[in-house]
Amino acid sequence: MIMPRGRAAGLNTLAGAPSGTNSRDCRALAVLLLGALAMTGSQAAPVAEPTPAVTAAVADRSRPASDTARDSNRKPLEVLTFAGVKPGDRVADYAAGSGYFTRLFSDIVGLSGRVYCSVPSGLYQYPNIVKGTAEIEAFIAGHPNTSLFFGEPLQVARYPEKLDLFWISQNYHDLKDSFMGPVDMAAFNRAVFAALKPGGLYIVIDHVAAPGSPANVTDTLHRIEPAVVRHEVEAAGFRFAGESRVLANPADPHTAGPFNPSIQGRTDQFIYKFRKPDRTDRP
């Protein structure tokens, strides 16, 4: 998701990377956090118990206040538990914004894992993305398990090793808009498929558009129909692996964009999980 437009200078391809990992077992705190972060709206299935790694990452006191202030809306404990990210994973955080999830991923995967932050060049015309990218660079300076890449949308969907998880939060809809190309979505989803290991997971989080919305709803309201995403991703060879409704809001009328004060921070969002087939899958 992006903020209203502005202009900024370009950026060369970046790479870097270090993170102190926190391995303490905070199961009791997990229960407290689940209660504190609870939100109205049913879920497709009961929430699994958070792993110690996820619980510790969310509870880490070194997280910036600007991140923890967003936890009540983004529900990282539940969302990352659904995603199944774990120590040692290779994770792509595509269109990483200010690095909210990047910092959590870095903590969870630890020094045995790797986080690749991708910033598509089309987003870099927005001041909040320029600021967010600088924040990610500052984080990377102390976290060697994290790298940052900047370039064309398809270019930064390719990585030096196979991934366990590809993550895109509130930005899938942006790929369809003119300022991003628009991106060839069939080619993009094929690139994600190629980037993942067999059995690897693809998580898409976005703002729900009303059924039958025109194609330009991705630009006018920064929303997208979940059915459109599912059709496009499955067409690339992925299998649907489930959804979480932890960010759902049935009271959202789907008539205003996520920056509108009437719904800001409370939009109806879907979380889809897709899986790249492996040898255990039947034809």
C-alpha atoms as a PDB file:
ATOM      1  CA  MET A   1       0.000   0.000   0.000  1.00  0.00           C
ATOM      2  CA  ILE A   2       1.327   3.458  -0.859  1.00  0.00           C
ATOM      3  CA  MET A   3       0.660   6.985   0.276  1.00  0.00           C
ATOM      4  CA  PRO A   4      -0.447   9.886  -1.984  1.00  0.00           C
ATOM      5  CA  ARG A   5       2.129  10.786  -4.580  1.00  0.00           C
ATOM      6  CA  GLY A   6       5.215  12.944  -4.396  1.00  0.00           C
ATOM      7  CA  ARG A   7       8.617  12.982  -6.110  1.00  0.00           C
ATOM      8  CA  ALA A   8      12.029  11.760  -5.034  1.00  0.00           C
ATOM      9  CA  ALA A   9      15.416  11.003  -6.496  1.00  0.00           C
ATOM     10  CA  GLY A  10      16.260   7.523  -7.760  1.00  0.00           C
ATOM     11  CA  LEU A  11      18.273   4.898  -5.918  1.00  0.00           C
ATOM     12  CA  ASN A  12      20.840   2.417  -7.113  1.00  0.00           C
ATOM     13  CA  THR A  13      20.557  -1.286  -6.450  1.00  0.00           C
ATOM     14  CA  LEU A  14      21.252  -1.919  -2.782  1.00  0.00           C
ATOM     15  CA  ALA A  15      22.547  -4.897  -0.920  1.00  0.00           C
ATOM     16  CA  GLY A  16      23.608  -5.300   2.589  1.00  0.00           C
ATOM     17  CA  ALA A  17      22.695  -7.167   5.522  1.00  0.00           C
ATOM     18  CA  PRO A  18      22.821  -8.609  10.495  1.00  0.00           C
ATOM     19  CA  SER A  19      20.374  -9.340  13.229  1.00  0.00           C
ATOM     20  CA  GLY A  20      20.580 -10.311  16.810  1.00  0.00           C
ATOM     21  CA  THR A  21      18.062 -13.046  17.231  1.00  0.00           C
ATOM     22  CA  ASN A  22      15.917 -13.604  20.242  1.00  0.00           C
ATOM     23  CA  SER A  23      15.272 -17.231  21.102  1.00  0.00           C
ATOM     24  CA  ARG A  24      13.511 -16.896  24.463  1.00  0.00           C
ATOM     25  CA  ASP A  25      10.350 -18.877  24.961  1.00  0.00           C
ATOM     26  CA  CYS A  26       7.463 -16.495  25.638  1.00  0.00           C
ATOM     27  CA  ARG A  27       4.452 -18.792  25.428  1.00  0.00           C
ATOM     28  CA  ALA A  28       2.691 -17.128  28.338  1.00  0.00           C
ATOM     29  CA  LEU A  29       3.173 -13.733  26.733  1.00  0.00           C
ATOM     30  CA  ALA A  30       1.815 -15.143  23.472  1.00  0.00           C
ATOM     31  CA  VAL A  31      -1.526 -15.765  25.128  1.00  0.00           C
ATOM     32  CA  LEU A  32      -1.611 -12.208  26.469  1.00  0.00           C
ATOM     33  CA  LEU A  33      -0.711 -10.740  23.097  1.00  0.00           C
ATOM     34  CA  LEU A  34      -3.350 -12.761  21.296  1.00  0.00           C
ATOM     35  CA  GLY A  35      -5.950 -11.334  23.635  1.00  0.00           C
ATOM     36  CA  ALA A  36      -4.639  -7.781  23.424  1.00  0.00           C
ATOM     37  CA  LEU A  37      -4.487  -7.852  19.635  1.00  0.00           C
ATOM     38  CA  ALA A  38      -7.878  -9.502  19.156  1.00  0.00           C
ATOM     39  CA  MET A  39     -10.178  -7.832  16.638  1.00  0.00           C
ATOM     40  CA  THR A  40     -13.809  -8.279  15.704  1.00  0.00           C
ATOM     41  CA  GLY A  41     -14.384 -10.506  12.667  1.00  0.00           C
ATOM     42  CA  SER A  42     -14.455 -14.263  12.402  1.00  0.00           C
ATOM     43  CA  GLN A  43     -11.578 -16.416  11.231  1.00  0.00           C
ATOM     44  CA  ALA A  44     -11.623 -19.251   8.739  1.00  0.00           C
ATOM     45  CA  ALA A  45     -10.007 -21.572  11.290  1.00  0.00           C
ATOM     46  CA  PRO A  46      -8.853 -21.417  14.935  1.00  0.00           C
ATOM     47  CA  VAL A  47      -5.588 -19.542  15.465  1.00  0.00           C
ATOM     48  CA  ALA A  48      -2.639 -21.900  15.875  1.00  0.00           C
ATOM     49  CA  GLU A  49      -0.399 -21.438  18.890  1.00  0.00           C
ATOM     50  CA  PRO A  50       2.413 -19.001  18.034  1.00  0.00           C
ATOM     51  CA  THR A  51       5.891 -20.484  18.006  1.00  0.00           C
ATOM     52  CA  PRO A  52       8.460 -19.194  20.491  1.00  0.00           C
ATOM     53  CA  ALA A  53      10.326 -17.504  17.627  1.00  0.00           C
ATOM     54  CA  VAL A  54       7.265 -15.569  16.440  1.00  0.00           C
ATOM     55  CA  THR A  55       6.216 -14.666  19.981  1.00  0.00           C
ATOM     56  CA  ALA A  56       9.702 -13.425  20.855  1.00  0.00           C
ATOM     57  CA  ALA A  57       9.966 -11.343  17.675  1.00  0.00           C
ATOM     58  CA  VAL A  58       6.663  -9.559  18.297  1.00  0.00           C
ATOM     59  CA  ALA A  59       7.533  -9.001  21.969  1.00  0.00           C
ATOM     60  CA  ASP A  60      11.077  -7.794  21.240  1.00  0.00           C
ATOM     61  CA  ARG A  61      11.563  -4.509  23.112  1.00  0.00           C
ATOM     62  CA  SER A  62      14.010  -3.259  20.499  1.00  0.00           C
ATOM     63  CA  ARG A  63      11.187  -2.874  17.953  1.00  0.00           C
ATOM     64  CA  PRO A  64      10.618   0.802  17.138  1.00  0.00           C
ATOM     65  CA  ALA A  65       7.570   2.509  18.615  1.00  0.00           C
ATOM     66  CA  SER A  66       6.361   3.283  15.100  1.00  0.00           C
ATOM     67  CA  ASP A  67       6.066  -0.487  14.537  1.00  0.00           C
ATOM     68  CA  THR A  68       4.460  -1.479  17.814  1.00  0.00           C
ATOM     69  CA  ALA A  69       1.888   1.305  17.385  1.00  0.00           C
ATOM     70  CA  ARG A  70       0.651  -0.552  14.289  1.00  0.00           C
ATOM     71  CA  ASP A  71       0.384  -3.971  15.923  1.00  0.00           C
ATOM     72  CA  SER A  72      -3.269  -3.573  16.884  1.00  0.00           C
ATOM     73  CA  ASN A  73      -4.161  -3.146  13.192  1.00  0.00           C
ATOM     74  CA  ARG A  74      -1.654  -5.509  11.595  1.00  0.00           C
ATOM     75  CA  LYS A  75      -1.910  -8.326  14.190  1.00  0.00           C
ATOM     76  CA  PRO A  76       1.586  -9.704  13.583  1.00  0.00           C
ATOM     77  CA  LEU A  77       1.332 -12.526  16.113  1.00  0.00           C
ATOM     78  CA  GLU A  78      -1.656 -14.116  14.399  1.00  0.00           C
ATOM     79  CA  VAL A  79      -0.631 -13.252  10.836  1.00  0.00           C
ATOM     80  CA  LEU A  80       2.928 -14.571  11.116  1.00  0.00           C
ATOM     81  CA  THR A  81       1.685 -17.701  12.861  1.00  0.00           C
ATOM     82  CA  PHE A  82      -0.654 -18.323   9.933  1.00  0.00           C
ATOM     83  CA  ALA A  83       2.208 -17.717   7.495  1.00  0.00           C
ATOM     84  CA  GLY A  84       4.315 -20.352   9.248  1.00  0.00           C
ATOM     85  CA  VAL A  85       7.613 -18.444   9.081  1.00  0.00           C
ATOM     86  CA  LYS A  86      10.289 -20.121  11.198  1.00  0.00           C
ATOM     87  CA  PRO A  87      13.991 -20.003  12.110  1.00  0.00           C
ATOM     88  CA  GLY A  88      16.295 -20.745   9.181  1.00  0.00           C
ATOM     89  CA  ASP A  89      13.774 -19.721   6.517  1.00  0.00           C
ATOM     90  CA  ARG A  90      14.629 -17.763   3.375  1.00  0.00           C
ATOM     91  CA  VAL A  91      11.999 -15.030   3.083  1.00  0.00           C
ATOM     92  CA  ALA A  92      11.247 -12.350   0.480  1.00  0.00           C
ATOM     93  CA  ASP A  93       9.479  -9.235   1.766  1.00  0.00           C
ATOM     94  CA  TYR A  94       8.285  -7.730  -1.509  1.00  0.00           C
ATOM     95  CA  ALA A  95       7.467  -3.995  -1.517  1.00  0.00           C
ATOM     96  CA  ALA A  96       8.743  -3.886   2.056  1.00  0.00           C
ATOM     97  CA  GLY A  97       7.596  -0.338   2.807  1.00  0.00           C
ATOM     98  CA  SER A  98       9.246   0.935   5.979  1.00  0.00           C
ATOM     99  CA  GLY A  99      10.337  -2.567   7.000  1.00  0.00           C
ATOM    100  CA  TYR A 100       7.615  -3.384   9.539  1.00  0.00           C
ATOM    101  CA  PHE A 101       7.540  -7.055   8.542  1.00  0.00           C
ATOM    102  CA  THR A 102      11.208  -7.056   7.504  1.00  0.00           C
ATOM    103  CA  ARG A 103      12.290  -6.480  11.095  1.00  0.00           C
ATOM    104  CA  LEU A 104       9.999  -9.230  12.377  1.00  0.00           C
ATOM    105  CA  PHE A 105      11.165 -11.685   9.705  1.00  0.00           C
ATOM    106  CA  SER A 106      14.807 -10.930  10.495  1.00  0.00           C
ATOM    107  CA  ASP A 107      14.261 -11.723  14.162  1.00  0.00           C
ATOM    108  CA  ILE A 108      12.286 -14.910  13.463  1.00  0.00           C
ATOM    109  CA  VAL A 109      14.560 -16.503  10.846  1.00  0.00           C
ATOM    110  CA  GLY A 110      17.701 -15.705  12.812  1.00  0.00           C
ATOM    111  CA  LEU A 111      21.279 -15.821  11.640  1.00  0.00           C
ATOM    112  CA  SER A 112      20.688 -19.198   9.986  1.00  0.00           C
ATOM    113  CA  GLY A 113      17.998 -17.646   7.786  1.00  0.00           C
ATOM    114  CA  ARG A 114      17.825 -14.812   5.283  1.00  0.00           C
ATOM    115  CA  VAL A 115      15.457 -11.934   4.498  1.00  0.00           C
ATOM    116  CA  TYR A 116      15.404 -10.301   1.068  1.00  0.00           C
ATOM    117  CA  CYS A 117      13.661  -6.909   0.940  1.00  0.00           C
ATOM    118  CA  SER A 118      12.479  -5.869  -2.506  1.00  0.00           C
ATOM    119  CA  VAL A 119      11.627  -2.280  -3.444  1.00  0.00           C
ATOM    120  CA  PRO A 120      10.094  -2.023  -6.952  1.00  0.00           C
ATOM    121  CA  SER A 121      11.341   1.161  -8.598  1.00  0.00           C
ATOM    122  CA  GLY A 122       7.835   2.437  -9.377  1.00  0.00           C
ATOM    123  CA  LEU A 123       7.194   2.935  -5.673  1.00  0.00           C
ATOM    124  CA  TYR A 124      10.211   5.159  -5.202  1.00  0.00           C
ATOM    125  CA  GLN A 125       8.369   8.259  -6.384  1.00  0.00           C
ATOM    126  CA  TYR A 126       6.532   8.297  -3.043  1.00  0.00           C
ATOM    127  CA  PRO A 127       8.168  10.105  -0.111  1.00  0.00           C
ATOM    128  CA  ASN A 128       7.043   7.505   2.439  1.00  0.00           C
ATOM    129  CA  ILE A 129       8.799   4.795   0.401  1.00  0.00           C
ATOM    130  CA  VAL A 130      11.996   6.876   0.227  1.00  0.00           C
ATOM    131  CA  LYS A 131      11.851   7.359   4.007  1.00  0.00           C
ATOM    132  CA  GLY A 132      10.958   3.704   4.594  1.00  0.00           C
ATOM    133  CA  THR A 133      13.809   2.474   2.416  1.00  0.00           C
ATOM    134  CA  ALA A 134      16.247   4.600   4.427  1.00  0.00           C
ATOM    135  CA  GLU A 135      14.880   3.015   7.605  1.00  0.00           C
ATOM    136  CA  ILE A 136      15.431  -0.449   6.160  1.00  0.00           C
ATOM    137  CA  GLU A 137      19.003   0.473   5.199  1.00  0.00           C
ATOM    138  CA  ALA A 138      19.650   1.610   8.764  1.00  0.00           C
ATOM    139  CA  PHE A 139      18.268  -1.675  10.092  1.00  0.00           C
ATOM    140  CA  ILE A 140      20.367  -3.727   7.677  1.00  0.00           C
ATOM    141  CA  ALA A 141      23.525  -2.052   8.958  1.00  0.00           C
ATOM    142  CA  GLY A 142      23.128  -4.040  12.166  1.00  0.00           C
ATOM    143  CA  HIS A 143      21.458  -7.178  10.832  1.00  0.00           C
ATOM    144  CA  PRO A 144      23.602  -9.287   8.486  1.00  0.00           C
ATOM    145  CA  ASN A 145      20.779 -11.734   7.705  1.00  0.00           C
ATOM    146  CA  THR A 146      18.901  -9.046   5.749  1.00  0.00           C
ATOM    147  CA  SER A 147      19.474  -7.574   2.277  1.00  0.00           C
ATOM    148  CA  LEU A 148      17.766  -4.841   0.252  1.00  0.00           C
ATOM    149  CA  PHE A 149      17.243  -4.817  -3.519  1.00  0.00           C
ATOM    150  CA  PHE A 150      15.893  -2.025  -5.691  1.00  0.00           C
ATOM    151  CA  GLY A 151      14.906  -2.359  -9.347  1.00  0.00           C
ATOM    152  CA  GLU A 152      12.175  -3.115 -11.828  1.00  0.00           C
ATOM    153  CA  PRO A 153       9.228  -5.118 -10.420  1.00  0.00           C
ATOM    154  CA  LEU A 154      10.134  -8.428 -12.051  1.00  0.00           C
ATOM    155  CA  GLN A 155      13.860  -7.938 -11.475  1.00  0.00           C
ATOM    156  CA  VAL A 156      13.420  -7.701  -7.704  1.00  0.00           C
ATOM    157  CA  ALA A 157      11.203 -10.800  -7.654  1.00  0.00           C
ATOM    158  CA  ARG A 158      14.297 -12.906  -8.440  1.00  0.00           C
ATOM    159  CA  TYR A 159      16.681 -13.966  -5.683  1.00  0.00           C
ATOM    160  CA  PRO A 160      20.117 -15.620  -5.321  1.00  0.00           C
ATOM    161  CA  GLU A 161      18.652 -18.710  -3.620  1.00  0.00           C
ATOM    162  CA  LYS A 162      15.344 -20.529  -3.411  1.00  0.00           C
ATOM    163  CA  LEU A 163      12.845 -19.206  -0.882  1.00  0.00           C
ATOM    164  CA  ASP A 164      10.665 -20.778   1.785  1.00  0.00           C
ATOM    165  CA  LEU A 165       8.267 -17.820   1.824  1.00  0.00           C
ATOM    166  CA  PHE A 166       7.351 -14.997  -0.544  1.00  0.00           C
ATOM    167  CA  TRP A 167       5.411 -12.213   1.176  1.00  0.00           C
ATOM    168  CA  ILE A 168       3.487  -9.277  -0.278  1.00  0.00           C
ATOM    169  CA  SER A 169       1.330  -7.200   2.046  1.00  0.00           C
ATOM    170  CA  GLN A 170      -1.087  -4.510   0.804  1.00  0.00           C
ATOM    171  CA  ASN A 171       0.773  -4.085  -2.468  1.00  0.00           C
ATOM    172  CA  TYR A 172      -0.423  -6.794  -4.857  1.00  0.00           C
ATOM    173  CA  HIS A 173      -3.081  -4.368  -6.115  1.00  0.00           C
ATOM    174  CA  ASP A 174      -0.424  -1.720  -6.868  1.00  0.00           C
ATOM    175  CA  LEU A 175       1.275  -3.972  -9.416  1.00  0.00           C
ATOM    176  CA  LYS A 176      -1.729  -3.531 -11.700  1.00  0.00           C
ATOM    177  CA  ASP A 177      -1.522   0.246 -11.863  1.00  0.00           C
ATOM    178  CA  SER A 178       0.153   2.421 -14.483  1.00  0.00           C
ATOM    179  CA  PHE A 179       2.825   3.848 -12.165  1.00  0.00           C
ATOM    180  CA  MET A 180       4.135   0.289 -11.740  1.00  0.00           C
ATOM    181  CA  GLY A 181       4.122  -0.498 -15.438  1.00  0.00           C
ATOM    182  CA  PRO A 182       1.531  -1.975 -15.047  1.00  0.00           C
ATOM    183  CA  VAL A 183       3.204  -5.294 -14.254  1.00  0.00           C
ATOM    184  CA  ASP A 184       2.401  -8.392 -16.294  1.00  0.00           C
ATOM    185  CA  MET A 185       0.744 -10.312 -13.456  1.00  0.00           C
ATOM    186  CA  ALA A 186       1.094 -13.695 -15.151  1.00  0.00           C
ATOM    187  CA  ALA A 187       4.845 -13.102 -15.465  1.00  0.00           C
ATOM    188  CA  PHE A 188       5.053 -11.827 -11.895  1.00  0.00           C
ATOM    189  CA  ASN A 189       3.339 -14.863 -10.394  1.00  0.00           C
ATOM    190  CA  ARG A 190       5.481 -17.169 -12.515  1.00  0.00           C
ATOM    191  CA  ALA A 191       8.551 -15.366 -11.139  1.00  0.00           C
ATOM    192  CA  VAL A 192       7.311 -15.951  -7.585  1.00  0.00           C
ATOM    193  CA  PHE A 193       6.704 -19.623  -8.427  1.00  0.00           C
ATOM    194  CA  ALA A 194      10.263 -19.934  -9.768  1.00  0.00           C
ATOM    195  CA  ALA A 195      11.697 -18.150  -6.713  1.00  0.00           C
ATOM    196  CA  LEU A 196      10.220 -20.624  -4.227  1.00  0.00           C
ATOM    197  CA  LYS A 197      11.410 -24.063  -3.188  1.00  0.00           C
ATOM    198  CA  PRO A 198       8.996 -26.952  -3.827  1.00  0.00           C
ATOM    199  CA  GLY A 199       6.524 -26.705  -0.968  1.00  0.00           C
ATOM    200  CA  GLY A 200       7.324 -23.007  -0.509  1.00  0.00           C
ATOM    201  CA  LEU A 201       4.582 -20.593   0.514  1.00  0.00           C
ATOM    202  CA  TYR A 202       3.245 -17.422  -1.086  1.00  0.00           C
ATOM    203  CA  ILE A 203       1.321 -15.049   1.216  1.00  0.00           C
ATOM    204  CA  VAL A 204      -0.844 -12.246  -0.190  1.00  0.00           C
ATOM    205  CA  ILE A 205      -2.495  -9.689   2.092  1.00  0.00           C
ATOM    206  CA  ASP A 206      -4.597  -6.916   0.603  1.00  0.00           C
ATOM    207  CA  HIS A 207      -7.625  -4.679   1.012  1.00  0.00           C
ATOM    208  CA  VAL A 208     -10.873  -6.274  -0.150  1.00  0.00           C
ATOM    209  CA  ALA A 209     -12.763  -4.730  -3.074  1.00  0.00           C
ATOM    210  CA  ALA A 210     -16.486  -5.287  -3.485  1.00  0.00           C
ATOM    211  CA  PRO A 211     -17.502  -8.130  -5.823  1.00  0.00           C
ATOM    212  CA  GLY A 212     -17.820  -6.944  -9.407  1.00  0.00           C
ATOM    213  CA  SER A 213     -15.585  -3.903  -8.902  1.00  0.00           C
ATOM    214  CA  PRO A 214     -14.082  -2.390 -12.066  1.00  0.00           C
ATOM    215  CA  ALA A 215     -10.472  -3.198 -12.826  1.00  0.00           C
ATOM    216  CA  ASN A 216      -9.338   0.330 -11.911  1.00  0.00           C
ATOM    217  CA  VAL A 217     -10.457  -0.158  -8.286  1.00  0.00           C
ATOM    218  CA  THR A 218      -6.796  -1.043  -7.642  1.00  0.00           C
ATOM    219  CA  ASP A 219      -5.970   2.614  -8.359  1.00  0.00           C
ATOM    220  CA  THR A 220      -9.117   4.449  -7.255  1.00  0.00           C
ATOM    221  CA  LEU A 221      -9.619   2.675  -3.912  1.00  0.00           C
ATOM    222  CA  HIS A 222      -6.356   0.733  -3.495  1.00  0.00           C
ATOM    223  CA  ARG A 223      -8.356  -2.490  -3.215  1.00  0.00           C
ATOM    224  CA  ILE A 224      -8.684  -5.744  -5.124  1.00  0.00           C
ATOM    225  CA  GLU A 225     -11.164  -8.604  -5.246  1.00  0.00           C
ATOM    226  CA  PRO A 226      -9.781 -11.693  -3.491  1.00  0.00           C
ATOM    227  CA  ALA A 227     -11.144 -13.904  -6.286  1.00  0.00           C
ATOM    228  CA  VAL A 228      -8.991 -12.025  -8.813  1.00  0.00           C
ATOM    229  CA  VAL A 229      -5.855 -12.695  -6.782  1.00  0.00           C
ATOM    230  CA  ARG A 230      -6.683 -16.355  -6.327  1.00  0.00           C
ATOM    231  CA  HIS A 231      -7.357 -16.863 -10.032  1.00  0.00           C
ATOM    232  CA  GLU A 232      -4.099 -15.166 -11.074  1.00  0.00           C
ATOM    233  CA  VAL A 233      -1.912 -16.959  -8.542  1.00  0.00           C
ATOM    234  CA  GLU A 234      -3.364 -20.414  -9.183  1.00  0.00           C
ATOM    235  CA  ALA A 235      -2.891 -19.864 -12.918  1.00  0.00           C
ATOM    236  CA  ALA A 236       0.874 -19.770 -12.249  1.00  0.00           C
ATOM    237  CA  GLY A 237       0.777 -23.293 -10.798  1.00  0.00           C
ATOM    238  CA  PHE A 238       0.212 -22.590  -7.111  1.00  0.00           C
ATOM    239  CA  ARG A 239      -2.247 -24.480  -4.954  1.00  0.00           C
ATOM    240  CA  PHE A 240      -4.514 -22.633  -2.564  1.00  0.00           C
ATOM    241  CA  ALA A 241      -3.439 -23.550   0.980  1.00  0.00           C
ATOM    242  CA  GLY A 242      -5.978 -21.604   3.024  1.00  0.00           C
ATOM    243  CA  GLU A 243      -6.925 -18.186   4.307  1.00  0.00           C
ATOM    244  CA  SER A 244      -7.066 -16.310   7.570  1.00  0.00           C
ATOM    245  CA  ARG A 245      -9.817 -13.841   8.420  1.00  0.00           C
ATOM    246  CA  VAL A 246      -7.955 -12.267  11.316  1.00  0.00           C
ATOM    247  CA  LEU A 247      -7.846  -8.936   9.398  1.00  0.00           C
ATOM    248  CA  ALA A 248     -11.407  -9.191   8.097  1.00  0.00           C
ATOM    249  CA  ASN A 249     -13.914  -6.444   8.897  1.00  0.00           C
ATOM    250  CA  PRO A 250     -17.476  -7.246   7.776  1.00  0.00           C
ATOM    251  CA  ALA A 251     -18.509  -3.689   8.674  1.00  0.00           C
ATOM    252  CA  ASP A 252     -16.295  -2.203   5.946  1.00  0.00           C
ATOM    253  CA  PRO A 253     -18.627  -0.964   3.160  1.00  0.00           C
ATOM    254  CA  HIS A 254     -15.769  -1.260   0.590  1.00  0.00           C
ATOM    255  CA  THR A 255     -16.613   2.191  -0.764  1.00  0.00           C
ATOM    256  CA  ALA A 256     -13.596   4.156   0.492  1.00  0.00           C
ATOM    257  CA  GLY A 257      -9.866   3.702   0.192  1.00  0.00           C
ATOM    258  CA  PRO A 258      -7.574   2.760   3.100  1.00  0.00           C
ATOM    259  CA  PHE A 259      -6.422   6.369   3.598  1.00  0.00           C
ATOM    260  CA  ASN A 260      -9.981   7.629   4.086  1.00  0.00           C
ATOM    261  CA  PRO A 261     -10.487   8.585   7.751  1.00  0.00           C
ATOM    262  CA  SER A 262     -13.809   6.730   7.774  1.00  0.00           C
ATOM    263  CA  ILE A 263     -12.044   3.368   7.412  1.00  0.00           C
ATOM    264  CA  GLN A 264      -8.302   3.978   7.846  1.00  0.00           C
ATOM    265  CA  GLY A 265      -6.740   1.209   9.908  1.00  0.00           C
ATOM    266  CA  ARG A 266      -9.956  -0.829   9.800  1.00  0.00           C
ATOM    267  CA  THR A 267     -10.284  -1.977   6.194  1.00  0.00           C
ATOM    268  CA  ASP A 268     -11.548  -5.440   5.383  1.00  0.00           C
ATOM    269  CA  GLN A 269      -8.432  -7.414   4.434  1.00  0.00           C
ATOM    270  CA  PHE A 270      -7.904 -10.932   3.152  1.00  0.00           C
ATOM    271  CA  ILE A 271      -4.882 -13.134   3.824  1.00  0.00           C
ATOM    272  CA  TYR A 272      -4.355 -15.895   1.273  1.00  0.00           C
ATOM    273  CA  LYS A 273      -1.775 -18.648   1.518  1.00  0.00           C
ATOM    274  CA  PHE A 274      -0.635 -20.458  -1.624  1.00  0.00           C
ATOM    275  CA  ARG A 275       1.794 -23.353  -1.887  1.00  0.00           C
ATOM    276  CA  LYS A 276       4.170 -24.421  -4.631  1.00  0.00           C
ATOM    277  CA  PRO A 277       3.544 -28.151  -5.202  1.00  0.00           C
ATOM    278  CA  ASP A 278       6.239 -30.661  -4.301  1.00  0.00           C
ATOM    279  CA  ARG A 279       6.709 -34.421  -4.690  1.00  0.00           C
ATOM    280  CA  THR A 280       4.065 -35.174  -2.088  1.00  0.00           C
ATOM    281  CA  ASP A 281       1.340 -33.620  -4.232  1.00  0.00           C
ATOM    282  CA  ARG A 282      -0.761 -35.810  -6.455  1.00  0.00           C
ATOM    283  CA  PRO A 283      -1.062 -34.792 -10.119  1.00  0.00           C
END
